[in-house]
PDB file of N, CA and C in Angstrom:
ATOM      1  N   GLN A   1      21.481 -63.547  17.959  1.00  0.00           N
ATOM      2  CA  GLN A   1      20.807 -62.759  16.942  1.00  0.00           C
ATOM      3  C   GLN A   1      21.782 -62.444  15.817  1.00  0.00           C
ATOM      4  N   VAL A   2      21.392 -62.770  14.597  1.00  0.00           N
ATOM      5  CA  VAL A   2      22.223 -62.513  13.435  1.00  0.00           C
ATOM      6  C   VAL A   2      22.191 -61.020  13.112  1.00  0.00           C
ATOM      7  N   GLN A   3      23.366 -60.444  12.923  1.00  0.00           N
ATOM      8  CA  GLN A   3      23.470 -59.045  12.556  1.00  0.00           C
ATOM      9  C   GLN A   3      23.529 -58.911  11.039  1.00  0.00           C
ATOM     10  N   VAL A   4      22.893 -57.862  10.512  1.00  0.00           N
ATOM     11  CA  VAL A   4      22.921 -57.596   9.083  1.00  0.00           C
ATOM     12  C   VAL A   4      23.288 -56.147   8.847  1.00  0.00           C
ATOM     13  N   VAL A   5      23.987 -55.903   7.743  1.00  0.00           N
ATOM     14  CA  VAL A   5      24.416 -54.560   7.381  1.00  0.00           C
ATOM     15  C   VAL A   5      24.091 -54.307   5.921  1.00  0.00           C
ATOM     16  N   GLU A   6      23.344 -53.228   5.661  1.00  0.00           N
ATOM     17  CA  GLU A   6      23.026 -52.835   4.294  1.00  0.00           C
ATOM     18  C   GLU A   6      24.064 -51.850   3.771  1.00  0.00           C
ATOM     19  N   SER A   7      24.246 -51.852   2.463  1.00  0.00           N
ATOM     20  CA  SER A   7      25.139 -50.902   1.821  1.00  0.00           C
ATOM     21  C   SER A   7      24.697 -50.700   0.382  1.00  0.00           C
ATOM     22  N   GLY A   8      25.216 -49.653  -0.252  1.00  0.00           N
ATOM     23  CA  GLY A   8      24.945 -49.412  -1.657  1.00  0.00           C
ATOM     24  C   GLY A   8      23.995 -48.275  -1.954  1.00  0.00           C
ATOM     25  N   GLY A   9      23.394 -47.693  -0.938  1.00  0.00           N
ATOM     26  CA  GLY A   9      22.487 -46.581  -1.164  1.00  0.00           C
ATOM     27  C   GLY A   9      23.230 -45.332  -1.582  1.00  0.00           C
ATOM     28  N   GLY A  10      22.476 -44.349  -2.038  1.00  0.00           N
ATOM     29  CA  GLY A  10      23.072 -43.102  -2.470  1.00  0.00           C
ATOM     30  C   GLY A  10      22.093 -42.255  -3.240  1.00  0.00           C
ATOM     31  N   LEU A  11      22.612 -41.209  -3.854  1.00  0.00           N
ATOM     32  CA  LEU A  11      21.799 -40.297  -4.659  1.00  0.00           C
ATOM     33  C   LEU A  11      21.904 -40.693  -6.116  1.00  0.00           C
ATOM     34  N   VAL A  12      20.764 -40.819  -6.773  1.00  0.00           N
ATOM     35  CA  VAL A  12      20.736 -41.233  -8.163  1.00  0.00           C
ATOM     36  C   VAL A  12      19.649 -40.452  -8.903  1.00  0.00           C
ATOM     37  N   GLN A  13      19.862 -40.214 -10.186  1.00  0.00           N
ATOM     38  CA  GLN A  13      18.882 -39.505 -11.000  1.00  0.00           C
ATOM     39  C   GLN A  13      17.770 -40.439 -11.453  1.00  0.00           C
ATOM     40  N   PRO A  14      16.592 -39.891 -11.760  1.00  0.00           N
ATOM     41  CA  PRO A  14      15.516 -40.733 -12.287  1.00  0.00           C
ATOM     42  C   PRO A  14      15.978 -41.512 -13.510  1.00  0.00           C
ATOM     43  N   GLY A  15      15.608 -42.786 -13.555  1.00  0.00           N
ATOM     44  CA  GLY A  15      16.035 -43.652 -14.640  1.00  0.00           C
ATOM     45  C   GLY A  15      17.344 -44.363 -14.370  1.00  0.00           C
ATOM     46  N   GLY A  16      18.016 -43.989 -13.308  1.00  0.00           N
ATOM     47  CA  GLY A  16      19.289 -44.587 -12.967  1.00  0.00           C
ATOM     48  C   GLY A  16      19.150 -45.903 -12.232  1.00  0.00           C
ATOM     49  N   SER A  17      20.294 -46.464 -11.849  1.00  0.00           N
ATOM     50  CA  SER A  17      20.327 -47.769 -11.196  1.00  0.00           C
ATOM     51  C   SER A  17      21.211 -47.755  -9.960  1.00  0.00           C
ATOM     52  N   LEU A  18      20.872 -48.616  -9.022  1.00  0.00           N
ATOM     53  CA  LEU A  18      21.674 -48.857  -7.834  1.00  0.00           C
ATOM     54  C   LEU A  18      21.590 -50.326  -7.481  1.00  0.00           C
ATOM     55  N   ARG A  19      22.621 -50.825  -6.832  1.00  0.00           N
ATOM     56  CA  ARG A  19      22.619 -52.190  -6.333  1.00  0.00           C
ATOM     57  C   ARG A  19      22.868 -52.173  -4.840  1.00  0.00           C
ATOM     58  N   LEU A  20      21.894 -52.633  -4.079  1.00  0.00           N
ATOM     59  CA  LEU A  20      22.006 -52.696  -2.632  1.00  0.00           C
ATOM     60  C   LEU A  20      22.484 -54.075  -2.200  1.00  0.00           C
ATOM     61  N   SER A  21      23.237 -54.110  -1.114  1.00  0.00           N
ATOM     62  CA  SER A  21      23.712 -55.363  -0.550  1.00  0.00           C
ATOM     63  C   SER A  21      23.327 -55.452   0.914  1.00  0.00           C
ATOM     64  N   CYS A  22      23.055 -56.649   1.365  1.00  0.00           N
ATOM     65  CA  CYS A  22      22.772 -56.925   2.768  1.00  0.00           C
ATOM     66  C   CYS A  22      23.621 -58.114   3.172  1.00  0.00           C
ATOM     67  N   THR A  23      24.592 -57.883   4.024  1.00  0.00           N
ATOM     68  CA  THR A  23      25.514 -58.927   4.443  1.00  0.00           C
ATOM     69  C   THR A  23      25.254 -59.316   5.892  1.00  0.00           C
ATOM     70  N   ALA A  24      25.103 -60.604   6.124  1.00  0.00           N
ATOM     71  CA  ALA A  24      24.824 -61.128   7.459  1.00  0.00           C
ATOM     72  C   ALA A  24      26.099 -61.555   8.163  1.00  0.00           C
ATOM     73  N   SER A  25      26.044 -61.565   9.488  1.00  0.00           N
ATOM     74  CA  SER A  25      27.202 -61.926  10.301  1.00  0.00           C
ATOM     75  C   SER A  25      27.367 -63.427  10.467  1.00  0.00           C
ATOM     76  N   ALA A  26      26.393 -64.195  10.003  1.00  0.00           N
ATOM     77  CA  ALA A  26      26.434 -65.639  10.113  1.00  0.00           C
ATOM     78  C   ALA A  26      25.793 -66.249   8.876  1.00  0.00           C
ATOM     79  N   SER A  27      25.843 -67.566   8.796  1.00  0.00           N
ATOM     80  CA  SER A  27      25.285 -68.271   7.646  1.00  0.00           C
ATOM     81  C   SER A  27      23.801 -67.982   7.476  1.00  0.00           C
ATOM     82  N   ILE A  28      23.392 -67.797   6.223  1.00  0.00           N
ATOM     83  CA  ILE A  28      21.988 -67.559   5.907  1.00  0.00           C
ATOM     84  C   ILE A  28      21.338 -68.768   5.257  1.00  0.00           C
ATOM     85  N   VAL A  29      22.078 -69.852   5.153  1.00  0.00           N
ATOM     86  CA  VAL A  29      21.563 -71.057   4.500  1.00  0.00           C
ATOM     87  C   VAL A  29      20.294 -71.557   5.174  1.00  0.00           C
ATOM     88  N   GLY A  30      20.245 -71.521   6.501  1.00  0.00           N
ATOM     89  CA  GLY A  30      19.091 -72.003   7.243  1.00  0.00           C
ATOM     90  C   GLY A  30      17.955 -71.011   7.390  1.00  0.00           C
ATOM     91  N   ILE A  31      18.110 -69.822   6.831  1.00  0.00           N
ATOM     92  CA  ILE A  31      17.074 -68.796   6.900  1.00  0.00           C
ATOM     93  C   ILE A  31      16.358 -68.745   5.565  1.00  0.00           C
ATOM     94  N   ASN A  32      15.146 -69.276   5.534  1.00  0.00           N
ATOM     95  CA  ASN A  32      14.417 -69.351   4.277  1.00  0.00           C
ATOM     96  C   ASN A  32      13.958 -67.987   3.783  1.00  0.00           C
ATOM     97  N   TYR A  33      13.508 -67.139   4.692  1.00  0.00           N
ATOM     98  CA  TYR A  33      12.925 -65.854   4.334  1.00  0.00           C
ATOM     99  C   TYR A  33      13.914 -64.714   4.550  1.00  0.00           C
ATOM    100  N   MET A  34      14.320 -64.086   3.468  1.00  0.00           N
ATOM    101  CA  MET A  34      15.086 -62.853   3.500  1.00  0.00           C
ATOM    102  C   MET A  34      14.369 -61.857   2.607  1.00  0.00           C
ATOM    103  N   ALA A  35      14.248 -60.634   3.073  1.00  0.00           N
ATOM    104  CA  ALA A  35      13.417 -59.685   2.347  1.00  0.00           C
ATOM    105  C   ALA A  35      13.954 -58.269   2.421  1.00  0.00           C
ATOM    106  N   TRP A  36      13.525 -57.469   1.454  1.00  0.00           N
ATOM    107  CA  TRP A  36      13.787 -56.046   1.432  1.00  0.00           C
ATOM    108  C   TRP A  36      12.512 -55.287   1.746  1.00  0.00           C
ATOM    109  N   TYR A  37      12.620 -54.316   2.618  1.00  0.00           N
ATOM    110  CA  TYR A  37      11.544 -53.394   2.944  1.00  0.00           C
ATOM    111  C   TYR A  37      12.047 -51.982   2.704  1.00  0.00           C
ATOM    112  N   ARG A  38      11.129 -51.037   2.612  1.00  0.00           N
ATOM    113  CA  ARG A  38      11.540 -49.648   2.480  1.00  0.00           C
ATOM    114  C   ARG A  38      10.557 -48.733   3.201  1.00  0.00           C
ATOM    115  N   GLN A  39      11.072 -47.601   3.642  1.00  0.00           N
ATOM    116  CA  GLN A  39      10.260 -46.609   4.329  1.00  0.00           C
ATOM    117  C   GLN A  39      10.514 -45.251   3.694  1.00  0.00           C
ATOM    118  N   ALA A  40       9.515 -44.754   2.989  1.00  0.00           N
ATOM    119  CA  ALA A  40       9.594 -43.442   2.372  1.00  0.00           C
ATOM    120  C   ALA A  40       9.342 -42.366   3.421  1.00  0.00           C
ATOM    121  N   PRO A  41       9.793 -41.140   3.175  1.00  0.00           N
ATOM    122  CA  PRO A  41       9.575 -40.059   4.140  1.00  0.00           C
ATOM    123  C   PRO A  41       8.105 -39.877   4.493  1.00  0.00           C
ATOM    124  N   GLY A  42       7.795 -39.897   5.784  1.00  0.00           N
ATOM    125  CA  GLY A  42       6.434 -39.697   6.245  1.00  0.00           C
ATOM    126  C   GLY A  42       5.510 -40.882   6.082  1.00  0.00           C
ATOM    127  N   LYS A  43       6.036 -42.029   5.672  1.00  0.00           N
ATOM    128  CA  LYS A  43       5.206 -43.206   5.449  1.00  0.00           C
ATOM    129  C   LYS A  43       5.671 -44.380   6.301  1.00  0.00           C
ATOM    130  N   GLU A  44       4.838 -45.406   6.351  1.00  0.00           N
ATOM    131  CA  GLU A  44       5.176 -46.615   7.085  1.00  0.00           C
ATOM    132  C   GLU A  44       6.151 -47.470   6.283  1.00  0.00           C
ATOM    133  N   ARG A  45       6.823 -48.368   6.984  1.00  0.00           N
ATOM    134  CA  ARG A  45       7.724 -49.283   6.321  1.00  0.00           C
ATOM    135  C   ARG A  45       6.929 -50.351   5.574  1.00  0.00           C
ATOM    136  N   ASP A  46       7.250 -50.550   4.308  1.00  0.00           N
ATOM    137  CA  ASP A  46       6.506 -51.467   3.458  1.00  0.00           C
ATOM    138  C   ASP A  46       7.400 -52.549   2.871  1.00  0.00           C
ATOM    139  N   PHE A  47       6.803 -53.687   2.636  1.00  0.00           N
ATOM    140  CA  PHE A  47       7.478 -54.800   1.994  1.00  0.00           C
ATOM    141  C   PHE A  47       7.761 -54.477   0.531  1.00  0.00           C
ATOM    142  N   VAL A  48       8.922 -54.917   0.041  1.00  0.00           N
ATOM    143  CA  VAL A  48       9.314 -54.707  -1.346  1.00  0.00           C
ATOM    144  C   VAL A  48       9.474 -56.025  -2.091  1.00  0.00           C
ATOM    145  N   ALA A  49      10.279 -56.927  -1.551  1.00  0.00           N
ATOM    146  CA  ALA A  49      10.558 -58.191  -2.219  1.00  0.00           C
ATOM    147  C   ALA A  49      11.143 -59.186  -1.234  1.00  0.00           C
ATOM    148  N   TYR A  50      10.984 -60.468  -1.532  1.00  0.00           N
ATOM    149  CA  TYR A  50      11.643 -61.483  -0.724  1.00  0.00           C
ATOM    150  C   TYR A  50      12.385 -62.483  -1.602  1.00  0.00           C
ATOM    151  N   VAL A  51      13.346 -63.152  -1.003  1.00  0.00           N
ATOM    152  CA  VAL A  51      14.114 -64.212  -1.654  1.00  0.00           C
ATOM    153  C   VAL A  51      14.182 -65.392  -0.699  1.00  0.00           C
ATOM    154  N   THR A  52      13.801 -66.571  -1.163  1.00  0.00           N
ATOM    155  CA  THR A  52      13.886 -67.763  -0.336  1.00  0.00           C
ATOM    156  C   THR A  52      15.277 -68.364  -0.431  1.00  0.00           C
ATOM    157  N   SER A  53      15.509 -69.373   0.391  1.00  0.00           N
ATOM    158  CA  SER A  53      16.820 -70.000   0.445  1.00  0.00           C
ATOM    159  C   SER A  53      17.249 -70.584  -0.896  1.00  0.00           C
ATOM    160  N   ASP A  54      16.284 -71.073  -1.676  1.00  0.00           N
ATOM    161  CA  ASP A  54      16.610 -71.663  -2.968  1.00  0.00           C
ATOM    162  C   ASP A  54      16.501 -70.667  -4.121  1.00  0.00           C
ATOM    163  N   GLY A  55      16.295 -69.387  -3.803  1.00  0.00           N
ATOM    164  CA  GLY A  55      16.316 -68.361  -4.828  1.00  0.00           C
ATOM    165  C   GLY A  55      14.985 -67.926  -5.389  1.00  0.00           C
ATOM    166  N   ALA A  56      13.888 -68.475  -4.907  1.00  0.00           N
ATOM    167  CA  ALA A  56      12.578 -68.035  -5.363  1.00  0.00           C
ATOM    168  C   ALA A  56      12.318 -66.611  -4.898  1.00  0.00           C
ATOM    169  N   THR A  57      11.644 -65.817  -5.724  1.00  0.00           N
ATOM    170  CA  THR A  57      11.422 -64.413  -5.413  1.00  0.00           C
ATOM    171  C   THR A  57       9.966 -64.013  -5.561  1.00  0.00           C
ATOM    172  N   PHE A  58       9.623 -62.914  -4.908  1.00  0.00           N
ATOM    173  CA  PHE A  58       8.310 -62.304  -5.021  1.00  0.00           C
ATOM    174  C   PHE A  58       8.485 -60.799  -4.883  1.00  0.00           C
ATOM    175  N   TYR A  59       7.745 -60.032  -5.701  1.00  0.00           N
ATOM    176  CA  TYR A  59       7.862 -58.581  -5.708  1.00  0.00           C
ATOM    177  C   TYR A  59       6.495 -57.923  -5.607  1.00  0.00           C
ATOM    178  N   VAL A  60       6.468 -56.739  -5.009  1.00  0.00           N
ATOM    179  CA  VAL A  60       5.245 -55.958  -5.048  1.00  0.00           C
ATOM    180  C   VAL A  60       5.089 -55.402  -6.462  1.00  0.00           C
ATOM    181  N   PRO A  61       3.849 -55.191  -6.910  1.00  0.00           N
ATOM    182  CA  PRO A  61       3.621 -54.743  -8.293  1.00  0.00           C
ATOM    183  C   PRO A  61       4.375 -53.479  -8.681  1.00  0.00           C
ATOM    184  N   SER A  62       4.573 -52.557  -7.762  1.00  0.00           N
ATOM    185  CA  SER A  62       5.195 -51.284  -8.094  1.00  0.00           C
ATOM    186  C   SER A  62       6.665 -51.397  -8.489  1.00  0.00           C
ATOM    187  N   VAL A  63       7.326 -52.502  -8.129  1.00  0.00           N
ATOM    188  CA  VAL A  63       8.738 -52.660  -8.460  1.00  0.00           C
ATOM    189  C   VAL A  63       8.991 -53.829  -9.396  1.00  0.00           C
ATOM    190  N   LYS A  64       7.994 -54.661  -9.622  1.00  0.00           N
ATOM    191  CA  LYS A  64       8.172 -55.834 -10.473  1.00  0.00           C
ATOM    192  C   LYS A  64       8.576 -55.415 -11.884  1.00  0.00           C
ATOM    193  N   GLY A  65       9.623 -56.048 -12.397  1.00  0.00           N
ATOM    194  CA  GLY A  65      10.146 -55.711 -13.706  1.00  0.00           C
ATOM    195  C   GLY A  65      11.268 -54.696 -13.664  1.00  0.00           C
ATOM    196  N   ARG A  66      11.386 -53.961 -12.555  1.00  0.00           N
ATOM    197  CA  ARG A  66      12.451 -52.969 -12.390  1.00  0.00           C
ATOM    198  C   ARG A  66      13.496 -53.415 -11.372  1.00  0.00           C
ATOM    199  N   PHE A  67      13.048 -54.086 -10.321  1.00  0.00           N
ATOM    200  CA  PHE A  67      13.939 -54.545  -9.256  1.00  0.00           C
ATOM    201  C   PHE A  67      14.160 -56.041  -9.365  1.00  0.00           C
ATOM    202  N   THR A  68      15.353 -56.485  -8.997  1.00  0.00           N
ATOM    203  CA  THR A  68      15.669 -57.902  -8.961  1.00  0.00           C
ATOM    204  C   THR A  68      16.348 -58.235  -7.640  1.00  0.00           C
ATOM    205  N   ALA A  69      15.714 -59.104  -6.859  1.00  0.00           N
ATOM    206  CA  ALA A  69      16.287 -59.555  -5.596  1.00  0.00           C
ATOM    207  C   ALA A  69      16.979 -60.898  -5.797  1.00  0.00           C
ATOM    208  N   SER A  70      18.101 -61.074  -5.147  1.00  0.00           N
ATOM    209  CA  SER A  70      18.838 -62.321  -5.241  1.00  0.00           C
ATOM    210  C   SER A  70      19.637 -62.515  -3.967  1.00  0.00           C
ATOM    211  N   ARG A  71      20.193 -63.696  -3.803  1.00  0.00           N
ATOM    212  CA  ARG A  71      21.038 -63.945  -2.646  1.00  0.00           C
ATOM    213  C   ARG A  71      22.147 -64.904  -3.005  1.00  0.00           C
ATOM    214  N   ASP A  72      23.274 -64.735  -2.346  1.00  0.00           N
ATOM    215  CA  ASP A  72      24.419 -65.617  -2.493  1.00  0.00           C
ATOM    216  C   ASP A  72      24.673 -66.216  -1.123  1.00  0.00           C
ATOM    217  N   ASN A  73      24.204 -67.433  -0.917  1.00  0.00           N
ATOM    218  CA  ASN A  73      24.318 -68.061   0.398  1.00  0.00           C
ATOM    219  C   ASN A  73      25.771 -68.256   0.824  1.00  0.00           C
ATOM    220  N   ALA A  74      26.651 -68.507  -0.134  1.00  0.00           N
ATOM    221  CA  ALA A  74      28.055 -68.709   0.181  1.00  0.00           C
ATOM    222  C   ALA A  74      28.704 -67.444   0.727  1.00  0.00           C
ATOM    223  N   LYS A  75      28.177 -66.280   0.342  1.00  0.00           N
ATOM    224  CA  LYS A  75      28.708 -64.994   0.795  1.00  0.00           C
ATOM    225  C   LYS A  75      27.863 -64.371   1.893  1.00  0.00           C
ATOM    226  N   ASN A  76      26.829 -65.077   2.341  1.00  0.00           N
ATOM    227  CA  ASN A  76      25.921 -64.574   3.376  1.00  0.00           C
ATOM    228  C   ASN A  76      25.343 -63.216   3.002  1.00  0.00           C
ATOM    229  N   THR A  77      25.024 -63.054   1.735  1.00  0.00           N
ATOM    230  CA  THR A  77      24.621 -61.749   1.228  1.00  0.00           C
ATOM    231  C   THR A  77      23.365 -61.829   0.367  1.00  0.00           C
ATOM    232  N   MET A  78      22.489 -60.854   0.553  1.00  0.00           N
ATOM    233  CA  MET A  78      21.316 -60.667  -0.288  1.00  0.00           C
ATOM    234  C   MET A  78      21.489 -59.360  -1.047  1.00  0.00           C
ATOM    235  N   TYR A  79      20.999 -59.327  -2.281  1.00  0.00           N
ATOM    236  CA  TYR A  79      21.144 -58.153  -3.126  1.00  0.00           C
ATOM    237  C   TYR A  79      19.787 -57.645  -3.609  1.00  0.00           C
ATOM    238  N   LEU A  80      19.763 -56.375  -3.966  1.00  0.00           N
ATOM    239  CA  LEU A  80      18.606 -55.789  -4.627  1.00  0.00           C
ATOM    240  C   LEU A  80      19.117 -54.894  -5.745  1.00  0.00           C
ATOM    241  N   GLN A  81      18.984 -55.364  -6.979  1.00  0.00           N
ATOM    242  CA  GLN A  81      19.343 -54.572  -8.144  1.00  0.00           C
ATOM    243  C   GLN A  81      18.144 -53.720  -8.525  1.00  0.00           C
ATOM    244  N   MET A  82      18.317 -52.410  -8.516  1.00  0.00           N
ATOM    245  CA  MET A  82      17.234 -51.483  -8.785  1.00  0.00           C
ATOM    246  C   MET A  82      17.532 -50.718 -10.069  1.00  0.00           C
ATOM    247  N   ASN A  83      16.677 -50.890 -11.063  1.00  0.00           N
ATOM    248  CA  ASN A  83      16.810 -50.210 -12.339  1.00  0.00           C
ATOM    249  C   ASN A  83      15.612 -49.301 -12.572  1.00  0.00           C
ATOM    250  N   SER A  84      15.763 -48.371 -13.515  1.00  0.00           N
ATOM    251  CA  SER A  84      14.689 -47.438 -13.866  1.00  0.00           C
ATOM    252  C   SER A  84      14.093 -46.779 -12.631  1.00  0.00           C
ATOM    253  N   LEU A  85      14.950 -46.280 -11.771  1.00  0.00           N
ATOM    254  CA  LEU A  85      14.501 -45.698 -10.508  1.00  0.00           C
ATOM    255  C   LEU A  85      13.639 -44.461 -10.729  1.00  0.00           C
ATOM    256  N   GLN A  86      12.635 -44.312  -9.891  1.00  0.00           N
ATOM    257  CA  GLN A  86      11.684 -43.224  -9.954  1.00  0.00           C
ATOM    258  C   GLN A  86      11.711 -42.430  -8.648  1.00  0.00           C
ATOM    259  N   TYR A  87      11.138 -41.216  -8.686  1.00  0.00           N
ATOM    260  CA  TYR A  87      11.074 -40.395  -7.481  1.00  0.00           C
ATOM    261  C   TYR A  87      10.414 -41.156  -6.328  1.00  0.00           C
ATOM    262  N   GLU A  88       9.405 -41.955  -6.639  1.00  0.00           N
ATOM    263  CA  GLU A  88       8.652 -42.695  -5.634  1.00  0.00           C
ATOM    264  C   GLU A  88       9.463 -43.800  -4.959  1.00  0.00           C
ATOM    265  N   ASP A  89      10.631 -44.107  -5.506  1.00  0.00           N
ATOM    266  CA  ASP A  89      11.490 -45.123  -4.907  1.00  0.00           C
ATOM    267  C   ASP A  89      12.358 -44.557  -3.787  1.00  0.00           C
ATOM    268  N   THR A  90      12.343 -43.250  -3.612  1.00  0.00           N
ATOM    269  CA  THR A  90      13.123 -42.623  -2.550  1.00  0.00           C
ATOM    270  C   THR A  90      12.666 -43.138  -1.192  1.00  0.00           C
ATOM    271  N   ALA A  91      13.588 -43.721  -0.443  1.00  0.00           N
ATOM    272  CA  ALA A  91      13.253 -44.319   0.843  1.00  0.00           C
ATOM    273  C   ALA A  91      14.515 -44.839   1.511  1.00  0.00           C
ATOM    274  N   VAL A  92      14.379 -45.166   2.784  1.00  0.00           N
ATOM    275  CA  VAL A  92      15.403 -45.929   3.470  1.00  0.00           C
ATOM    276  C   VAL A  92      15.080 -47.398   3.244  1.00  0.00           C
ATOM    277  N   TYR A  93      16.023 -48.142   2.710  1.00  0.00           N
ATOM    278  CA  TYR A  93      15.821 -49.546   2.405  1.00  0.00           C
ATOM    279  C   TYR A  93      16.423 -50.413   3.500  1.00  0.00           C
ATOM    280  N   TYR A  94      15.617 -51.368   3.984  1.00  0.00           N
ATOM    281  CA  TYR A  94      16.010 -52.226   5.087  1.00  0.00           C
ATOM    282  C   TYR A  94      16.067 -53.685   4.663  1.00  0.00           C
ATOM    283  N   CYS A  95      17.002 -54.401   5.231  1.00  0.00           N
ATOM    284  CA  CYS A  95      17.135 -55.832   5.053  1.00  0.00           C
ATOM    285  C   CYS A  95      16.505 -56.543   6.246  1.00  0.00           C
ATOM    286  N   ASN A  96      15.751 -57.605   5.974  1.00  0.00           N
ATOM    287  CA  ASN A  96      15.132 -58.398   7.031  1.00  0.00           C
ATOM    288  C   ASN A  96      15.450 -59.875   6.847  1.00  0.00           C
ATOM    289  N   LEU A  97      15.822 -60.514   7.947  1.00  0.00           N
ATOM    290  CA  LEU A  97      16.072 -61.949   7.956  1.00  0.00           C
ATOM    291  C   LEU A  97      15.110 -62.603   8.927  1.00  0.00           C
ATOM    292  N   GLY A  98      14.308 -63.535   8.443  1.00  0.00           N
ATOM    293  CA  GLY A  98      13.488 -64.347   9.321  1.00  0.00           C
ATOM    294  C   GLY A  98      12.088 -63.864   9.609  1.00  0.00           C
ATOM    295  N   GLY A  99      11.682 -62.741   9.041  1.00  0.00           N
ATOM    296  CA  GLY A  99      10.326 -62.254   9.276  1.00  0.00           C
ATOM    297  C   GLY A  99      10.294 -60.876   9.896  1.00  0.00           C
ATOM    298  N   GLU A 100       9.280 -60.099   9.554  1.00  0.00           N
ATOM    299  CA  GLU A 100       9.220 -58.712  10.000  1.00  0.00           C
ATOM    300  C   GLU A 100       8.901 -58.565  11.482  1.00  0.00           C
ATOM    301  N   HIS A 101       8.290 -59.567  12.093  1.00  0.00           N
ATOM    302  CA  HIS A 101       7.903 -59.463  13.497  1.00  0.00           C
ATOM    303  C   HIS A 101       8.936 -60.026  14.466  1.00  0.00           C
ATOM    304  N   SER A 102       9.647 -61.069  14.047  1.00  0.00           N
ATOM    305  CA  SER A 102      10.601 -61.714  14.951  1.00  0.00           C
ATOM    306  C   SER A 102      12.007 -61.807  14.387  1.00  0.00           C
ATOM    307  N   GLY A 103      12.215 -61.320  13.188  1.00  0.00           N
ATOM    308  CA  GLY A 103      13.503 -61.449  12.548  1.00  0.00           C
ATOM    309  C   GLY A 103      14.469 -60.331  12.873  1.00  0.00           C
ATOM    310  N   SER A 104      15.577 -60.332  12.157  1.00  0.00           N
ATOM    311  CA  SER A 104      16.619 -59.329  12.338  1.00  0.00           C
ATOM    312  C   SER A 104      16.499 -58.241  11.284  1.00  0.00           C
ATOM    313  N   TRP A 105      16.807 -57.017  11.698  1.00  0.00           N
ATOM    314  CA  TRP A 105      16.773 -55.859  10.803  1.00  0.00           C
ATOM    315  C   TRP A 105      18.130 -55.196  10.740  1.00  0.00           C
ATOM    316  N   GLY A 106      18.459 -54.674   9.577  1.00  0.00           N
ATOM    317  CA  GLY A 106      19.648 -53.868   9.439  1.00  0.00           C
ATOM    318  C   GLY A 106      19.354 -52.430   9.797  1.00  0.00           C
ATOM    319  N   GLN A 107      20.380 -51.587   9.694  1.00  0.00           N
ATOM    320  CA  GLN A 107      20.229 -50.180  10.051  1.00  0.00           C
ATOM    321  C   GLN A 107      19.602 -49.355   8.931  1.00  0.00           C
ATOM    322  N   GLY A 108      19.549 -49.915   7.741  1.00  0.00           N
ATOM    323  CA  GLY A 108      18.978 -49.238   6.601  1.00  0.00           C
ATOM    324  C   GLY A 108      20.011 -48.485   5.792  1.00  0.00           C
ATOM    325  N   THR A 109      19.725 -48.321   4.510  1.00  0.00           N
ATOM    326  CA  THR A 109      20.568 -47.520   3.631  1.00  0.00           C
ATOM    327  C   THR A 109      19.665 -46.614   2.803  1.00  0.00           C
ATOM    328  N   LEU A 110      20.017 -45.348   2.724  1.00  0.00           N
ATOM    329  CA  LEU A 110      19.156 -44.346   2.102  1.00  0.00           C
ATOM    330  C   LEU A 110      19.358 -44.291   0.595  1.00  0.00           C
ATOM    331  N   VAL A 111      18.246 -44.386  -0.120  1.00  0.00           N
ATOM    332  CA  VAL A 111      18.231 -44.213  -1.569  1.00  0.00           C
ATOM    333  C   VAL A 111      17.446 -42.953  -1.879  1.00  0.00           C
ATOM    334  N   THR A 112      18.097 -42.008  -2.529  1.00  0.00           N
ATOM    335  CA  THR A 112      17.448 -40.750  -2.893  1.00  0.00           C
ATOM    336  C   THR A 112      17.450 -40.602  -4.401  1.00  0.00           C
ATOM    337  N   VAL A 113      16.267 -40.531  -4.984  1.00  0.00           N
ATOM    338  CA  VAL A 113      16.118 -40.341  -6.425  1.00  0.00           C
ATOM    339  C   VAL A 113      15.742 -38.887  -6.653  1.00  0.00           C
ATOM    340  N   SER A 114      16.632 -38.151  -7.270  1.00  0.00           N
ATOM    341  CA  SER A 114      16.427 -36.717  -7.452  1.00  0.00           C
ATOM    342  C   SER A 114      17.107 -36.245  -8.717  1.00  0.00           C
ATOM    343  N   SER A 115      16.487 -35.267  -9.377  1.00  0.00           N
ATOM    344  CA  SER A 115      17.060 -34.658 -10.563  1.00  0.00           C
ATOM    345  C   SER A 115      17.790 -33.374 -10.241  1.00  0.00           C
TER     346      SER A 115
END
């Protein structure tokens, strides 16, 4: 089982930016599906964005235009650049490799948007 570790979360003001990283313990070249999910307080964990092995991306409407997902296969790392952060973006952000039902999950990194 490939291990993943998220980093980059923290406290940020509305309108601010953060860059999250997800680093895997092994090569991610053979893993087509890598994705970011988030779980807001009192809510279920929801899909945010995915990045395929060749760099194709997909975003949920609520973050499209503000968030940018990318991956560097040589560094075994996936990124999530978050701009124009809003209160509603407050959540624990999770990295997923290989699918939400059978893939690997990280421990999560907390993003708090507060004034």
